[in-house]
């Protein structure tokens, strides 16, 4: 079942099945936009890293903290807000 973190306590008690189906349809419509936004954000961070450092990151962590192998290279860190990589649309 694709409940994706929905709280059954928040569903109306009169027609839970219909409410759940409505919720899932809305999520199905929102997910592609959220996924596209997450991919665009990651692609932007990787592009800025490449422009600053001259090579692609070897791991996602390099977008947040400078690895020792790049100690001599300049670069703006972090490439994400709040010093961490944001969660994707599925919360992962």
Protein backbone atom coordinates (compact mmCIF):
# COMPACT_ATOMS: atom_id res chain seq x y z
CA UNK A 1 0.00 0.00 0.00
CA UNK A 2 1.43 3.39 -0.93
CA UNK A 3 0.59 5.32 2.20
CA UNK A 4 3.93 7.19 2.23
CA UNK A 5 3.76 8.41 5.81
CA UNK A 6 0.07 9.19 5.89
CA UNK A 7 -1.43 9.08 9.34
CA UNK A 8 -4.60 7.02 9.38
CA UNK A 9 -5.70 9.05 12.41
CA UNK A 10 -5.98 12.13 10.18
CA UNK A 11 -8.32 10.51 7.69
CA UNK A 12 -12.02 11.23 8.06
CA UNK A 13 -13.75 8.36 9.81
CA UNK A 14 -16.89 8.40 7.68
CA UNK A 15 -15.29 7.19 4.42
CA UNK A 16 -11.67 6.27 5.08
CA UNK A 17 -11.27 4.30 1.84
CA UNK A 18 -12.39 7.19 -0.38
CA UNK A 19 -10.26 9.66 1.57
CA UNK A 20 -7.22 7.41 1.22
CA UNK A 21 -7.79 7.04 -2.52
CA UNK A 22 -8.12 10.81 -2.86
CA UNK A 23 -4.89 11.32 -0.91
CA UNK A 24 -3.02 8.79 -3.07
CA UNK A 25 -4.24 10.41 -6.30
CA UNK A 26 -3.00 13.81 -5.10
CA UNK A 27 0.37 12.32 -4.15
CA UNK A 28 0.61 10.60 -7.53
CA UNK A 29 0.19 13.99 -9.21
CA UNK A 30 2.66 15.78 -6.91
CA UNK A 31 5.46 13.21 -6.96
CA UNK A 32 6.76 13.88 -10.51
CA UNK A 33 7.09 17.61 -9.77
CA UNK A 34 8.85 16.94 -6.47
CA UNK A 35 11.18 14.43 -8.12
CA UNK A 36 12.01 16.87 -10.93
CA UNK A 37 12.76 19.61 -8.39
CA UNK A 38 15.04 17.27 -6.39
CA UNK A 39 16.95 16.23 -9.52
CA UNK A 40 17.30 19.87 -10.63
CA UNK A 41 18.65 20.89 -7.21
CA UNK A 42 21.20 18.07 -7.22
CA UNK A 43 22.23 18.79 -10.82
CA UNK A 44 22.71 22.47 -9.95
CA UNK A 45 24.90 21.63 -6.95
CA UNK A 46 27.01 19.24 -9.01
CA UNK A 47 27.38 21.83 -11.76
CA UNK A 48 28.51 24.51 -9.31
CA UNK A 49 31.00 22.07 -7.75
CA UNK A 50 32.46 21.28 -11.19
CA UNK A 51 32.70 24.98 -12.04
CA UNK A 52 34.48 25.78 -8.75
CA UNK A 53 36.76 22.75 -8.46
CA UNK A 54 37.23 21.65 -12.06
CA UNK A 55 36.05 18.09 -11.58
CA UNK A 56 32.91 16.25 -10.57
CA UNK A 57 32.39 15.17 -6.96
CA UNK A 58 33.27 11.55 -6.23
CA UNK A 59 30.60 11.31 -3.52
CA UNK A 60 27.58 13.33 -2.44
CA UNK A 61 29.33 14.25 0.82
CA UNK A 62 31.79 16.34 -1.19
CA UNK A 63 28.93 18.73 -1.95
CA UNK A 64 28.68 19.47 1.78
CA UNK A 65 32.22 19.30 3.18
CA UNK A 66 35.55 19.68 1.44
CA UNK A 67 37.46 16.40 1.21
CA UNK A 68 41.17 16.35 2.03
CA UNK A 69 42.00 15.47 -1.60
CA UNK A 70 40.75 18.95 -2.57
CA UNK A 71 42.47 20.89 0.23
CA UNK A 72 44.39 23.09 -2.21
CA UNK A 73 41.37 23.85 -4.40
CA UNK A 74 38.90 26.60 -3.77
CA UNK A 75 35.20 26.06 -3.75
CA UNK A 76 32.09 27.37 -2.11
CA UNK A 77 30.74 24.98 0.51
CA UNK A 78 28.16 23.81 1.12
CA UNK A 79 26.39 23.54 -2.19
CA UNK A 80 23.13 22.89 -0.33
CA UNK A 81 21.25 24.91 2.26
CA UNK A 82 21.68 24.03 5.93
CA UNK A 83 25.00 22.22 5.31
CA UNK A 84 23.18 19.05 4.28
CA UNK A 85 21.70 17.46 1.21
CA UNK A 86 17.93 17.81 1.22
CA UNK A 87 15.68 14.79 1.19
CA UNK A 88 14.13 13.65 -2.04
CA UNK A 89 10.39 13.65 -2.63
CA UNK A 90 10.02 10.27 -0.93
CA UNK A 91 11.74 11.57 2.22
CA UNK A 92 14.96 9.64 1.62
